[in-house]
């Protein structure tokens, strides 16, 4: 005896999603809300031969929220409206400009500190 083909033109689908483990949800939440890390780099000179650069500060940008900047000397601590404001604050000496350099997000999260980057 053979089974008759289904009379339903659409295959059966589940009406509920497979539950996501709580730890995976936490890691997803962290990735969705993580601030972006950047460096403020000062550059001296404008030619390839005489150009030099150095990191003067690190910052965290929180989307539409405040931006926090800490100088590498540990004495400068700023709360700014945007990362671009840091560029203006670290530019000003003759021949020195500032730039933002963004660190790329690895796209992963873990609850284990030993596995963190």
PDB file of N, CA and C in Angstrom:
ATOM      1  N   UNK A   1       0.838  -1.171   0.000  1.00  0.00           N
ATOM      2  CA  UNK A   1       0.000   0.000   0.000  1.00  0.00           C
ATOM      3  C   UNK A   1       0.885   1.236   0.000  1.00  0.00           C
ATOM      4  N   UNK A   2       0.608   2.172  -0.889  1.00  0.00           N
ATOM      5  CA  UNK A   2       1.392   3.408  -0.978  1.00  0.00           C
ATOM      6  C   UNK A   2       0.574   4.560  -0.442  1.00  0.00           C
ATOM      7  N   UNK A   3       1.281   5.537   0.101  1.00  0.00           N
ATOM      8  CA  UNK A   3       0.606   6.715   0.656  1.00  0.00           C
ATOM      9  C   UNK A   3       0.169   7.627  -0.470  1.00  0.00           C
ATOM     10  N   UNK A   4      -0.994   8.209  -0.310  1.00  0.00           N
ATOM     11  CA  UNK A   4      -1.495   9.159  -1.307  1.00  0.00           C
ATOM     12  C   UNK A   4      -0.789  10.489  -1.116  1.00  0.00           C
ATOM     13  N   UNK A   5      -0.537  11.219  -2.211  1.00  0.00           N
ATOM     14  CA  UNK A   5       0.098  12.526  -2.078  1.00  0.00           C
ATOM     15  C   UNK A   5      -0.791  13.477  -1.285  1.00  0.00           C
ATOM     16  N   UNK A   6      -0.151  14.424  -0.598  1.00  0.00           N
ATOM     17  CA  UNK A   6      -0.872  15.396   0.220  1.00  0.00           C
ATOM     18  C   UNK A   6      -1.734  16.280  -0.661  1.00  0.00           C
ATOM     19  N   UNK A   7      -2.923  16.616  -0.175  1.00  0.00           N
ATOM     20  CA  UNK A   7      -3.817  17.516  -0.900  1.00  0.00           C
ATOM     21  C   UNK A   7      -3.499  18.981  -0.592  1.00  0.00           C
ATOM     22  N   UNK A   8      -2.626  19.251   0.380  1.00  0.00           N
ATOM     23  CA  UNK A   8      -2.244  20.608   0.769  1.00  0.00           C
ATOM     24  C   UNK A   8      -1.167  21.105  -0.195  1.00  0.00           C
ATOM     25  N   UNK A   9      -1.414  22.232  -0.916  1.00  0.00           N
ATOM     26  CA  UNK A   9      -0.426  22.716  -1.884  1.00  0.00           C
ATOM     27  C   UNK A   9       0.837  23.277  -1.219  1.00  0.00           C
ATOM     28  N   UNK A  10       0.761  23.682   0.062  1.00  0.00           N
ATOM     29  CA  UNK A  10       1.929  24.223   0.761  1.00  0.00           C
ATOM     30  C   UNK A  10       2.427  23.204   1.768  1.00  0.00           C
ATOM     31  N   UNK A  11       3.746  23.056   1.874  1.00  0.00           N
ATOM     32  CA  UNK A  11       4.270  22.119   2.872  1.00  0.00           C
ATOM     33  C   UNK A  11       4.028  22.654   4.276  1.00  0.00           C
ATOM     34  N   UNK A  12       3.964  21.761   5.210  1.00  0.00           N
ATOM     35  CA  UNK A  12       3.747  22.161   6.603  1.00  0.00           C
ATOM     36  C   UNK A  12       4.957  22.927   7.112  1.00  0.00           C
ATOM     37  N   UNK A  13       4.699  24.025   7.810  1.00  0.00           N
ATOM     38  CA  UNK A  13       5.774  24.802   8.424  1.00  0.00           C
ATOM     39  C   UNK A  13       5.463  24.972   9.898  1.00  0.00           C
ATOM     40  N   UNK A  14       6.521  25.156  10.681  1.00  0.00           N
ATOM     41  CA  UNK A  14       6.332  25.382  12.105  1.00  0.00           C
ATOM     42  C   UNK A  14       5.830  26.793  12.323  1.00  0.00           C
ATOM     43  N   UNK A  15       4.934  26.961  13.260  1.00  0.00           N
ATOM     44  CA  UNK A  15       4.389  28.277  13.553  1.00  0.00           C
ATOM     45  C   UNK A  15       5.194  28.992  14.627  1.00  0.00           C
ATOM     46  N   UNK A  16       6.123  28.323  15.279  1.00  0.00           N
ATOM     47  CA  UNK A  16       6.923  28.945  16.324  1.00  0.00           C
ATOM     48  C   UNK A  16       8.407  28.793  15.975  1.00  0.00           C
ATOM     49  N   UNK A  17       9.172  29.731  16.442  1.00  0.00           N
ATOM     50  CA  UNK A  17      10.605  29.699  16.174  1.00  0.00           C
ATOM     51  C   UNK A  17      11.299  28.782  17.172  1.00  0.00           C
ATOM     52  N   UNK A  18      12.410  28.250  16.752  1.00  0.00           N
ATOM     53  CA  UNK A  18      13.211  27.433  17.653  1.00  0.00           C
ATOM     54  C   UNK A  18      13.784  28.353  18.726  1.00  0.00           C
ATOM     55  N   UNK A  19      13.633  27.996  19.984  1.00  0.00           N
ATOM     56  CA  UNK A  19      14.146  28.878  21.041  1.00  0.00           C
ATOM     57  C   UNK A  19      15.662  29.022  20.949  1.00  0.00           C
ATOM     58  N   UNK A  20      16.120  30.251  21.169  1.00  0.00           N
ATOM     59  CA  UNK A  20      17.549  30.548  21.160  1.00  0.00           C
ATOM     60  C   UNK A  20      18.049  30.438  22.598  1.00  0.00           C
ATOM     61  N   UNK A  21      19.157  29.760  22.822  1.00  0.00           N
ATOM     62  CA  UNK A  21      19.688  29.672  24.183  1.00  0.00           C
ATOM     63  C   UNK A  21      19.948  31.069  24.754  1.00  0.00           C
ATOM     64  N   UNK A  22      19.722  31.204  26.059  1.00  0.00           N
ATOM     65  CA  UNK A  22      19.829  32.508  26.708  1.00  0.00           C
ATOM     66  C   UNK A  22      21.221  33.119  26.551  1.00  0.00           C
ATOM     67  N   UNK A  23      22.277  32.310  26.676  1.00  0.00           N
ATOM     68  CA  UNK A  23      23.637  32.829  26.514  1.00  0.00           C
ATOM     69  C   UNK A  23      23.836  33.417  25.116  1.00  0.00           C
ATOM     70  N   UNK A  24      23.259  32.785  24.111  1.00  0.00           N
ATOM     71  CA  UNK A  24      23.357  33.290  22.735  1.00  0.00           C
ATOM     72  C   UNK A  24      22.598  34.608  22.606  1.00  0.00           C
ATOM     73  N   UNK A  25      21.456  34.724  23.267  1.00  0.00           N
ATOM     74  CA  UNK A  25      20.711  35.987  23.263  1.00  0.00           C
ATOM     75  C   UNK A  25      21.521  37.102  23.911  1.00  0.00           C
ATOM     76  N   UNK A  26      22.184  36.785  25.037  1.00  0.00           N
ATOM     77  CA  UNK A  26      23.014  37.792  25.705  1.00  0.00           C
ATOM     78  C   UNK A  26      24.143  38.269  24.800  1.00  0.00           C
ATOM     79  N   UNK A  27      24.808  37.341  24.138  1.00  0.00           N
ATOM     80  CA  UNK A  27      25.902  37.717  23.231  1.00  0.00           C
ATOM     81  C   UNK A  27      25.378  38.560  22.074  1.00  0.00           C
ATOM     82  N   UNK A  28      24.209  38.234  21.554  1.00  0.00           N
ATOM     83  CA  UNK A  28      23.598  39.036  20.490  1.00  0.00           C
ATOM     84  C   UNK A  28      23.263  40.439  20.962  1.00  0.00           C
ATOM     85  N   UNK A  29      22.753  40.551  22.191  1.00  0.00           N
ATOM     86  CA  UNK A  29      22.450  41.857  22.770  1.00  0.00           C
ATOM     87  C   UNK A  29      23.700  42.707  22.878  1.00  0.00           C
ATOM     88  N   UNK A  30      24.792  42.087  23.337  1.00  0.00           N
ATOM     89  CA  UNK A  30      26.062  42.812  23.461  1.00  0.00           C
ATOM     90  C   UNK A  30      26.536  43.299  22.095  1.00  0.00           C
ATOM     91  N   UNK A  31      26.485  42.448  21.088  1.00  0.00           N
ATOM     92  CA  UNK A  31      26.924  42.848  19.756  1.00  0.00           C
ATOM     93  C   UNK A  31      26.063  43.961  19.181  1.00  0.00           C
ATOM     94  N   UNK A  32      24.753  43.924  19.459  1.00  0.00           N
ATOM     95  CA  UNK A  32      23.843  44.949  18.934  1.00  0.00           C
ATOM     96  C   UNK A  32      24.031  46.304  19.590  1.00  0.00           C
ATOM     97  N   UNK A  33      24.509  46.325  20.832  1.00  0.00           N
ATOM     98  CA  UNK A  33      24.604  47.591  21.565  1.00  0.00           C
ATOM     99  C   UNK A  33      26.040  48.028  21.830  1.00  0.00           C
ATOM    100  N   UNK A  34      27.020  47.301  21.314  1.00  0.00           N
ATOM    101  CA  UNK A  34      28.424  47.616  21.582  1.00  0.00           C
ATOM    102  C   UNK A  34      28.816  48.964  20.984  1.00  0.00           C
ATOM    103  N   UNK A  35      29.574  49.752  21.744  1.00  0.00           N
ATOM    104  CA  UNK A  35      30.092  51.003  21.183  1.00  0.00           C
ATOM    105  C   UNK A  35      31.197  50.699  20.178  1.00  0.00           C
ATOM    106  N   UNK A  36      31.465  51.656  19.319  1.00  0.00           N
ATOM    107  CA  UNK A  36      32.540  51.508  18.345  1.00  0.00           C
ATOM    108  C   UNK A  36      33.816  52.094  18.929  1.00  0.00           C
ATOM    109  N   UNK A  37      34.912  51.378  18.797  1.00  0.00           N
ATOM    110  CA  UNK A  37      36.200  51.805  19.326  1.00  0.00           C
ATOM    111  C   UNK A  37      37.000  52.493  18.223  1.00  0.00           C
ATOM    112  N   UNK A  38      37.608  53.626  18.574  1.00  0.00           N
ATOM    113  CA  UNK A  38      38.426  54.348  17.599  1.00  0.00           C
ATOM    114  C   UNK A  38      39.627  54.962  18.292  1.00  0.00           C
ATOM    115  N   UNK A  39      40.618  55.324  17.488  1.00  0.00           N
ATOM    116  CA  UNK A  39      41.789  56.042  17.974  1.00  0.00           C
ATOM    117  C   UNK A  39      41.803  57.417  17.323  1.00  0.00           C
ATOM    118  N   UNK A  40      42.295  58.402  18.065  1.00  0.00           N
ATOM    119  CA  UNK A  40      42.561  59.718  17.505  1.00  0.00           C
ATOM    120  C   UNK A  40      44.059  59.743  17.236  1.00  0.00           C
ATOM    121  N   UNK A  41      44.415  59.943  15.978  1.00  0.00           N
ATOM    122  CA  UNK A  41      45.806  59.910  15.550  1.00  0.00           C
ATOM    123  C   UNK A  41      46.210  61.296  15.079  1.00  0.00           C
ATOM    124  N   UNK A  42      47.314  61.800  15.602  1.00  0.00           N
ATOM    125  CA  UNK A  42      47.857  63.062  15.108  1.00  0.00           C
ATOM    126  C   UNK A  42      48.880  62.754  14.029  1.00  0.00           C
ATOM    127  N   UNK A  43      48.882  63.595  12.990  1.00  0.00           N
ATOM    128  CA  UNK A  43      49.783  63.417  11.853  1.00  0.00           C
ATOM    129  C   UNK A  43      50.553  64.709  11.654  1.00  0.00           C
ATOM    130  N   UNK A  44      51.863  64.582  11.513  1.00  0.00           N
ATOM    131  CA  UNK A  44      52.710  65.733  11.254  1.00  0.00           C
ATOM    132  C   UNK A  44      53.271  65.608   9.845  1.00  0.00           C
ATOM    133  N   UNK A  45      53.182  66.678   9.078  1.00  0.00           N
ATOM    134  CA  UNK A  45      53.691  66.693   7.717  1.00  0.00           C
ATOM    135  C   UNK A  45      52.618  66.341   6.713  1.00  0.00           C
ATOM    136  N   UNK A  46      52.941  66.611   5.455  1.00  0.00           N
ATOM    137  CA  UNK A  46      51.950  66.347   4.406  1.00  0.00           C
ATOM    138  C   UNK A  46      52.545  65.614   3.208  1.00  0.00           C
ATOM    139  N   UNK A  47      53.785  65.181   3.315  1.00  0.00           N
ATOM    140  CA  UNK A  47      54.376  64.395   2.233  1.00  0.00           C
ATOM    141  C   UNK A  47      54.732  63.012   2.762  1.00  0.00           C
ATOM    142  N   UNK A  48      54.849  62.067   1.871  1.00  0.00           N
ATOM    143  CA  UNK A  48      55.147  60.691   2.289  1.00  0.00           C
ATOM    144  C   UNK A  48      56.501  60.588   2.986  1.00  0.00           C
ATOM    145  N   UNK A  49      57.459  61.366   2.559  1.00  0.00           N
ATOM    146  CA  UNK A  49      58.806  61.266   3.126  1.00  0.00           C
ATOM    147  C   UNK A  49      58.904  61.909   4.501  1.00  0.00           C
ATOM    148  N   UNK A  50      58.154  62.993   4.718  1.00  0.00           N
ATOM    149  CA  UNK A  50      58.279  63.708   5.973  1.00  0.00           C
ATOM    150  C   UNK A  50      57.074  63.569   6.872  1.00  0.00           C
ATOM    151  N   UNK A  51      56.253  62.551   6.669  1.00  0.00           N
ATOM    152  CA  UNK A  51      55.040  62.384   7.448  1.00  0.00           C
ATOM    153  C   UNK A  51      55.287  61.439   8.621  1.00  0.00           C
ATOM    154  N   UNK A  52      54.729  61.799   9.767  1.00  0.00           N
ATOM    155  CA  UNK A  52      54.816  60.941  10.946  1.00  0.00           C
ATOM    156  C   UNK A  52      53.465  60.969  11.643  1.00  0.00           C
ATOM    157  N   UNK A  53      53.137  59.945  12.380  1.00  0.00           N
ATOM    158  CA  UNK A  53      51.860  59.899  13.090  1.00  0.00           C
ATOM    159  C   UNK A  53      51.972  59.139  14.386  1.00  0.00           C
ATOM    160  N   UNK A  54      51.071  59.433  15.314  1.00  0.00           N
ATOM    161  CA  UNK A  54      51.062  58.788  16.617  1.00  0.00           C
ATOM    162  C   UNK A  54      49.645  58.835  17.189  1.00  0.00           C
ATOM    163  N   UNK A  55      49.332  57.879  18.034  1.00  0.00           N
ATOM    164  CA  UNK A  55      48.025  57.818  18.688  1.00  0.00           C
ATOM    165  C   UNK A  55      48.064  58.738  19.903  1.00  0.00           C
ATOM    166  N   UNK A  56      47.080  59.644  20.000  1.00  0.00           N
ATOM    167  CA  UNK A  56      47.016  60.552  21.150  1.00  0.00           C
ATOM    168  C   UNK A  56      45.852  60.233  22.076  1.00  0.00           C
ATOM    169  N   UNK A  57      44.852  59.490  21.574  1.00  0.00           N
ATOM    170  CA  UNK A  57      43.691  59.185  22.413  1.00  0.00           C
ATOM    171  C   UNK A  57      42.939  57.984  21.852  1.00  0.00           C
ATOM    172  N   UNK A  58      42.137  57.366  22.735  1.00  0.00           N
ATOM    173  CA  UNK A  58      41.223  56.287  22.363  1.00  0.00           C
ATOM    174  C   UNK A  58      39.815  56.741  22.694  1.00  0.00           C
ATOM    175  N   UNK A  59      38.852  56.283  21.890  1.00  0.00           N
ATOM    176  CA  UNK A  59      37.489  56.696  22.136  1.00  0.00           C
ATOM    177  C   UNK A  59      36.476  55.588  21.931  1.00  0.00           C
ATOM    178  N   UNK A  60      35.303  55.783  22.548  1.00  0.00           N
ATOM    179  CA  UNK A  60      34.145  54.903  22.382  1.00  0.00           C
ATOM    180  C   UNK A  60      32.991  55.753  21.879  1.00  0.00           C
ATOM    181  N   UNK A  61      32.436  55.376  20.739  1.00  0.00           N
ATOM    182  CA  UNK A  61      31.288  56.079  20.174  1.00  0.00           C
ATOM    183  C   UNK A  61      30.046  55.226  20.391  1.00  0.00           C
ATOM    184  N   UNK A  62      29.022  55.812  20.986  1.00  0.00           N
ATOM    185  CA  UNK A  62      27.784  55.099  21.320  1.00  0.00           C
ATOM    186  C   UNK A  62      26.656  55.462  20.376  1.00  0.00           C
ATOM    187  N   UNK A  63      26.798  55.202  19.108  1.00  0.00           N
ATOM    188  CA  UNK A  63      25.731  55.502  18.152  1.00  0.00           C
ATOM    189  C   UNK A  63      25.332  56.962  18.219  1.00  0.00           C
ATOM    190  N   UNK A  64      24.084  57.222  18.579  1.00  0.00           N
ATOM    191  CA  UNK A  64      23.589  58.596  18.693  1.00  0.00           C
ATOM    192  C   UNK A  64      23.860  59.203  20.064  1.00  0.00           C
ATOM    193  N   UNK A  65      24.457  58.439  20.962  1.00  0.00           N
ATOM    194  CA  UNK A  65      24.729  58.918  22.315  1.00  0.00           C
ATOM    195  C   UNK A  65      26.069  59.624  22.402  1.00  0.00           C
ATOM    196  N   UNK A  66      26.537  59.831  23.626  1.00  0.00           N
ATOM    197  CA  UNK A  66      27.796  60.546  23.805  1.00  0.00           C
ATOM    198  C   UNK A  66      29.002  59.719  23.355  1.00  0.00           C
ATOM    199  N   UNK A  67      30.083  60.430  23.086  1.00  0.00           N
ATOM    200  CA  UNK A  67      31.363  59.823  22.734  1.00  0.00           C
ATOM    201  C   UNK A  67      32.335  60.096  23.873  1.00  0.00           C
ATOM    202  N   UNK A  68      33.027  59.060  24.314  1.00  0.00           N
ATOM    203  CA  UNK A  68      33.990  59.193  25.402  1.00  0.00           C
ATOM    204  C   UNK A  68      35.397  59.052  24.827  1.00  0.00           C
ATOM    205  N   UNK A  69      36.272  59.982  25.209  1.00  0.00           N
ATOM    206  CA  UNK A  69      37.641  59.986  24.708  1.00  0.00           C
ATOM    207  C   UNK A  69      38.594  60.076  25.897  1.00  0.00           C
ATOM    208  N   UNK A  70      39.637  59.228  25.878  1.00  0.00           N
ATOM    209  CA  UNK A  70      40.656  59.234  26.923  1.00  0.00           C
ATOM    210  C   UNK A  70      42.012  59.357  26.242  1.00  0.00           C
ATOM    211  N   UNK A  71      42.785  60.361  26.659  1.00  0.00           N
ATOM    212  CA  UNK A  71      44.120  60.537  26.107  1.00  0.00           C
ATOM    213  C   UNK A  71      45.047  59.421  26.538  1.00  0.00           C
ATOM    214  N   UNK A  72      46.040  59.108  25.711  1.00  0.00           N
ATOM    215  CA  UNK A  72      46.970  58.040  26.056  1.00  0.00           C
ATOM    216  C   UNK A  72      47.805  58.406  27.278  1.00  0.00           C
ATOM    217  N   UNK A  73      47.876  59.695  27.594  1.00  0.00           N
ATOM    218  CA  UNK A  73      48.608  60.114  28.798  1.00  0.00           C
ATOM    219  C   UNK A  73      47.809  59.861  30.067  1.00  0.00           C
ATOM    220  N   UNK A  74      46.509  59.522  29.922  1.00  0.00           N
ATOM    221  CA  UNK A  74      45.660  59.245  31.075  1.00  0.00           C
ATOM    222  C   UNK A  74      45.095  60.479  31.751  1.00  0.00           C
ATOM    223  N   UNK A  75      45.542  61.667  31.368  1.00  0.00           N
ATOM    224  CA  UNK A  75      45.076  62.903  32.001  1.00  0.00           C
ATOM    225  C   UNK A  75      43.879  63.515  31.277  1.00  0.00           C
ATOM    226  N   UNK A  76      43.784  63.321  29.986  1.00  0.00           N
ATOM    227  CA  UNK A  76      42.698  63.898  29.199  1.00  0.00           C
ATOM    228  C   UNK A  76      41.516  62.944  29.175  1.00  0.00           C
ATOM    229  N   UNK A  77      40.352  63.425  29.622  1.00  0.00           N
ATOM    230  CA  UNK A  77      39.112  62.643  29.596  1.00  0.00           C
ATOM    231  C   UNK A  77      38.008  63.569  29.113  1.00  0.00           C
ATOM    232  N   UNK A  78      37.377  63.181  28.011  1.00  0.00           N
ATOM    233  CA  UNK A  78      36.377  64.047  27.391  1.00  0.00           C
ATOM    234  C   UNK A  78      35.083  63.287  27.149  1.00  0.00           C
ATOM    235  N   UNK A  79      33.974  63.989  27.264  1.00  0.00           N
ATOM    236  CA  UNK A  79      32.677  63.499  26.827  1.00  0.00           C
ATOM    237  C   UNK A  79      32.220  64.473  25.746  1.00  0.00           C
ATOM    238  N   UNK A  80      32.043  63.953  24.531  1.00  0.00           N
ATOM    239  CA  UNK A  80      31.760  64.800  23.373  1.00  0.00           C
ATOM    240  C   UNK A  80      30.470  64.369  22.685  1.00  0.00           C
ATOM    241  N   UNK A  81      29.954  65.239  21.853  1.00  0.00           N
ATOM    242  CA  UNK A  81      28.726  64.937  21.111  1.00  0.00           C
ATOM    243  C   UNK A  81      28.978  63.967  19.965  1.00  0.00           C
ATOM    244  N   UNK A  82      30.206  63.942  19.428  1.00  0.00           N
ATOM    245  CA  UNK A  82      30.519  63.061  18.310  1.00  0.00           C
ATOM    246  C   UNK A  82      32.024  62.811  18.264  1.00  0.00           C
ATOM    247  N   UNK A  83      32.445  61.728  17.627  1.00  0.00           N
ATOM    248  CA  UNK A  83      33.878  61.469  17.487  1.00  0.00           C
ATOM    249  C   UNK A  83      34.595  62.574  16.710  1.00  0.00           C
ATOM    250  N   UNK A  84      33.913  63.163  15.756  1.00  0.00           N
ATOM    251  CA  UNK A  84      34.520  64.209  14.933  1.00  0.00           C
ATOM    252  C   UNK A  84      34.948  65.419  15.768  1.00  0.00           C
ATOM    253  N   UNK A  85      34.287  65.653  16.893  1.00  0.00           N
ATOM    254  CA  UNK A  85      34.690  66.752  17.783  1.00  0.00           C
ATOM    255  C   UNK A  85      36.100  66.512  18.325  1.00  0.00           C
ATOM    256  N   UNK A  86      36.471  65.259  18.537  1.00  0.00           N
ATOM    257  CA  UNK A  86      37.820  64.944  19.028  1.00  0.00           C
ATOM    258  C   UNK A  86      38.870  65.361  18.006  1.00  0.00           C
ATOM    259  N   UNK A  87      38.554  65.219  16.731  1.00  0.00           N
ATOM    260  CA  UNK A  87      39.493  65.632  15.682  1.00  0.00           C
ATOM    261  C   UNK A  87      39.787  67.120  15.822  1.00  0.00           C
ATOM    262  N   UNK A  88      38.746  67.917  16.036  1.00  0.00           N
ATOM    263  CA  UNK A  88      38.935  69.361  16.174  1.00  0.00           C
ATOM    264  C   UNK A  88      39.761  69.696  17.415  1.00  0.00           C
ATOM    265  N   UNK A  89      39.555  68.978  18.503  1.00  0.00           N
ATOM    266  CA  UNK A  89      40.265  69.270  19.744  1.00  0.00           C
ATOM    267  C   UNK A  89      41.740  68.881  19.700  1.00  0.00           C
ATOM    268  N   UNK A  90      42.083  67.868  18.904  1.00  0.00           N
ATOM    269  CA  UNK A  90      43.468  67.424  18.832  1.00  0.00           C
ATOM    270  C   UNK A  90      44.206  67.983  17.619  1.00  0.00           C
ATOM    271  N   UNK A  91      43.566  68.882  16.883  1.00  0.00           N
ATOM    272  CA  UNK A  91      44.202  69.601  15.785  1.00  0.00           C
ATOM    273  C   UNK A  91      44.381  71.033  16.255  1.00  0.00           C
ATOM    274  N   UNK A  92      45.428  71.671  15.834  1.00  0.00           N
ATOM    275  CA  UNK A  92      45.588  73.062  16.243  1.00  0.00           C
ATOM    276  C   UNK A  92      47.015  73.539  16.216  1.00  0.00           C
ATOM    277  N   UNK A  93      47.939  72.664  16.482  1.00  0.00           N
ATOM    278  CA  UNK A  93      49.339  73.062  16.407  1.00  0.00           C
ATOM    279  C   UNK A  93      49.749  73.147  14.939  1.00  0.00           C
ATOM    280  N   UNK A  94      50.613  74.089  14.592  1.00  0.00           N
ATOM    281  CA  UNK A  94      51.025  74.240  13.191  1.00  0.00           C
ATOM    282  C   UNK A  94      51.621  72.943  12.629  1.00  0.00           C
ATOM    283  N   UNK A  95      51.137  72.533  11.472  1.00  0.00           N
ATOM    284  CA  UNK A  95      51.644  71.346  10.791  1.00  0.00           C
ATOM    285  C   UNK A  95      51.089  70.035  11.307  1.00  0.00           C
ATOM    286  N   UNK A  96      50.216  70.077  12.314  1.00  0.00           N
ATOM    287  CA  UNK A  96      49.663  68.839  12.882  1.00  0.00           C
ATOM    288  C   UNK A  96      48.164  68.773  12.607  1.00  0.00           C
ATOM    289  N   UNK A  97      47.749  67.668  12.051  1.00  0.00           N
ATOM    290  CA  UNK A  97      46.322  67.412  11.841  1.00  0.00           C
ATOM    291  C   UNK A  97      45.952  66.166  12.652  1.00  0.00           C
ATOM    292  N   UNK A  98      44.675  65.923  12.795  1.00  0.00           N
ATOM    293  CA  UNK A  98      44.210  64.732  13.516  1.00  0.00           C
ATOM    294  C   UNK A  98      43.242  63.957  12.639  1.00  0.00           C
ATOM    295  N   UNK A  99      43.197  62.667  12.844  1.00  0.00           N
ATOM    296  CA  UNK A  99      42.302  61.771  12.102  1.00  0.00           C
ATOM    297  C   UNK A  99      41.708  60.745  13.059  1.00  0.00           C
ATOM    298  N   UNK A 100      40.577  60.197  12.661  1.00  0.00           N
ATOM    299  CA  UNK A 100      39.977  59.076  13.390  1.00  0.00           C
ATOM    300  C   UNK A 100      40.349  57.795  12.669  1.00  0.00           C
ATOM    301  N   UNK A 101      40.744  56.794  13.432  1.00  0.00           N
ATOM    302  CA  UNK A 101      41.000  55.463  12.890  1.00  0.00           C
ATOM    303  C   UNK A 101      40.102  54.504  13.662  1.00  0.00           C
ATOM    304  N   UNK A 102      39.167  53.860  12.945  1.00  0.00           N
ATOM    305  CA  UNK A 102      38.172  52.980  13.565  1.00  0.00           C
ATOM    306  C   UNK A 102      38.678  51.556  13.600  1.00  0.00           C
ATOM    307  N   UNK A 103      38.498  50.876  14.728  1.00  0.00           N
ATOM    308  CA  UNK A 103      38.821  49.461  14.819  1.00  0.00           C
ATOM    309  C   UNK A 103      37.649  48.663  14.274  1.00  0.00           C
ATOM    310  N   UNK A 104      37.946  47.670  13.471  1.00  0.00           N
ATOM    311  CA  UNK A 104      36.898  46.840  12.885  1.00  0.00           C
ATOM    312  C   UNK A 104      36.317  45.927  13.959  1.00  0.00           C
ATOM    313  N   UNK A 105      35.010  45.731  13.920  1.00  0.00           N
ATOM    314  CA  UNK A 105      34.332  44.841  14.864  1.00  0.00           C
ATOM    315  C   UNK A 105      34.534  43.399  14.427  1.00  0.00           C
ATOM    316  N   UNK A 106      34.923  42.518  15.332  1.00  0.00           N
ATOM    317  CA  UNK A 106      35.113  41.125  14.959  1.00  0.00           C
ATOM    318  C   UNK A 106      33.805  40.381  14.723  1.00  0.00           C
ATOM    319  N   UNK A 107      32.687  40.886  15.241  1.00  0.00           N
ATOM    320  CA  UNK A 107      31.401  40.243  15.013  1.00  0.00           C
ATOM    321  C   UNK A 107      31.146  39.016  15.860  1.00  0.00           C
ATOM    322  N   UNK A 108      31.867  38.899  16.968  1.00  0.00           N
ATOM    323  CA  UNK A 108      31.609  37.765  17.855  1.00  0.00           C
ATOM    324  C   UNK A 108      31.661  38.233  19.302  1.00  0.00           C
ATOM    325  N   UNK A 109      31.040  37.464  20.159  1.00  0.00           N
ATOM    326  CA  UNK A 109      31.016  37.759  21.582  1.00  0.00           C
ATOM    327  C   UNK A 109      31.084  36.449  22.351  1.00  0.00           C
ATOM    328  N   UNK A 110      31.613  36.526  23.569  1.00  0.00           N
ATOM    329  CA  UNK A 110      31.710  35.338  24.403  1.00  0.00           C
ATOM    330  C   UNK A 110      31.515  35.726  25.868  1.00  0.00           C
ATOM    331  N   UNK A 111      31.075  34.800  26.665  1.00  0.00           N
ATOM    332  CA  UNK A 111      30.944  35.025  28.101  1.00  0.00           C
ATOM    333  C   UNK A 111      32.229  34.651  28.836  1.00  0.00           C
ATOM    334  N   UNK A 112      33.167  34.027  28.148  1.00  0.00           N
ATOM    335  CA  UNK A 112      34.418  33.559  28.724  1.00  0.00           C
ATOM    336  C   UNK A 112      35.530  34.561  28.451  1.00  0.00           C
ATOM    337  N   UNK A 113      36.063  35.181  29.498  1.00  0.00           N
ATOM    338  CA  UNK A 113      37.085  36.213  29.327  1.00  0.00           C
ATOM    339  C   UNK A 113      38.327  35.684  28.617  1.00  0.00           C
ATOM    340  N   UNK A 114      38.681  34.429  28.838  1.00  0.00           N
ATOM    341  CA  UNK A 114      39.876  33.873  28.211  1.00  0.00           C
ATOM    342  C   UNK A 114      39.724  33.743  26.700  1.00  0.00           C
ATOM    343  N   UNK A 115      38.491  33.730  26.200  1.00  0.00           N
ATOM    344  CA  UNK A 115      38.262  33.638  24.756  1.00  0.00           C
ATOM    345  C   UNK A 115      38.063  35.014  24.123  1.00  0.00           C
ATOM    346  N   UNK A 116      37.995  36.050  24.948  1.00  0.00           N
ATOM    347  CA  UNK A 116      37.779  37.406  24.428  1.00  0.00           C
ATOM    348  C   UNK A 116      39.047  37.918  23.766  1.00  0.00           C
ATOM    349  N   UNK A 117      38.854  38.767  22.780  1.00  0.00           N
ATOM    350  CA  UNK A 117      40.004  39.348  22.062  1.00  0.00           C
ATOM    351  C   UNK A 117      40.687  40.402  22.885  1.00  0.00           C
TER     352      UNK A 117
END
